[in-house]
Protein backbone atom coordinates (compact mmCIF):
# COMPACT_ATOMS: atom_id res chain seq x y z
CA MET A 1 -18.37 -6.79 4.22
CA ILE A 2 -20.48 -9.65 2.86
CA VAL A 3 -17.89 -10.39 0.18
CA ILE A 4 -15.08 -10.64 2.74
CA GLY A 5 -17.23 -12.44 5.32
CA MET A 6 -18.37 -15.17 2.96
CA ASN A 7 -14.75 -16.12 2.28
CA SER A 8 -13.06 -15.09 5.50
CA ILE A 9 -10.85 -18.19 5.43
CA ALA A 10 -9.65 -17.29 1.94
CA ALA A 11 -9.05 -13.69 3.07
CA TYR A 12 -6.98 -14.91 6.02
CA CYS A 13 -4.93 -17.24 3.81
CA MET A 14 -4.40 -14.52 1.19
CA SER A 15 -3.16 -12.10 3.83
CA GLY A 16 -0.51 -14.58 4.88
CA LEU A 17 0.47 -16.01 1.52
CA TRP A 18 -0.12 -13.32 -1.10
CA ARG A 19 0.39 -10.03 0.75
CA ALA A 20 4.07 -9.68 -0.14
CA PHE A 21 3.31 -10.50 -3.78
CA PHE A 22 0.53 -7.88 -3.95
CA VAL A 23 2.71 -5.23 -2.26
CA SER A 24 5.57 -5.80 -4.69
CA SER A 25 3.17 -5.86 -7.65
CA LEU A 26 1.61 -2.56 -6.60
CA LYS A 27 5.02 -0.94 -6.18
CA ILE A 28 6.15 -2.19 -9.61
CA HIS A 29 3.03 -1.39 -11.62
CA VAL A 30 1.73 1.74 -9.88
CA GLY A 31 5.01 3.10 -8.58
CA THR A 32 6.23 4.01 -5.13
CA LYS A 33 5.59 7.76 -5.48
CA VAL A 34 1.81 7.21 -5.63
CA PHE A 35 1.75 5.87 -2.09
CA GLN A 36 3.75 8.87 -0.80
CA ILE A 37 1.20 11.47 -1.97
CA LEU A 38 0.11 12.23 1.60
CA GLY A 39 3.66 12.01 2.94
CA PRO A 40 6.04 9.22 3.87
CA SER A 41 4.28 8.59 7.18
CA MET A 42 1.03 7.72 5.37
CA GLU A 43 2.67 5.36 2.86
CA PRO A 44 1.94 2.16 4.86
CA LEU A 45 -1.73 3.13 5.18
CA LEU A 46 -2.16 3.82 1.47
CA LEU A 47 -0.28 0.65 0.58
CA GLY A 48 -2.54 -1.32 2.94
CA VAL A 49 -5.63 0.18 1.33
CA GLY A 50 -4.29 -0.80 -2.09
CA VAL A 51 -3.69 -4.37 -0.97
CA LEU A 52 -7.15 -4.51 0.62
CA VAL A 53 -8.70 -3.40 -2.69
CA LEU A 54 -6.85 -6.17 -4.53
CA PHE A 55 -7.92 -8.75 -1.92
CA TRP A 56 -11.50 -7.54 -2.21
CA CYS A 57 -11.40 -7.91 -6.01
CA VAL A 58 -10.25 -11.52 -5.73
CA LEU A 59 -12.85 -12.24 -3.04
CA TYR A 60 -15.56 -10.54 -5.11
CA TRP A 61 -14.70 -12.77 -8.07
CA MET A 62 -14.92 -15.81 -5.79
CA TYR A 63 -18.27 -14.56 -4.44
CA LYS A 64 -19.71 -14.09 -7.93
CA GLN A 65 -18.50 -17.56 -8.97
CA LYS A 66 -19.98 -19.01 -5.76
CA LEU A 67 -16.57 -20.33 -4.64
CA PHE A 68 -16.61 -20.53 -0.86
CA LEU A 69 -13.95 -22.13 1.35
CA ARG A 70 -15.47 -24.01 4.26
CA VAL A 71 -14.04 -26.08 7.05
């Protein structure tokens, strides 16, 4: 939570600007069947978890590089 909290503005901007890109990238590189393992009704949840993991990786890199967006 510290990683996301330190760059909450970046997380908010990424969710609006990069979410569609990350979703399409996950579907292309991992495949659509992976997200349907628990059934088609759970696909949005697993896709959201995948996107959250990618967001966290970007935010973790920013945290380690001490890149913080501030207003």
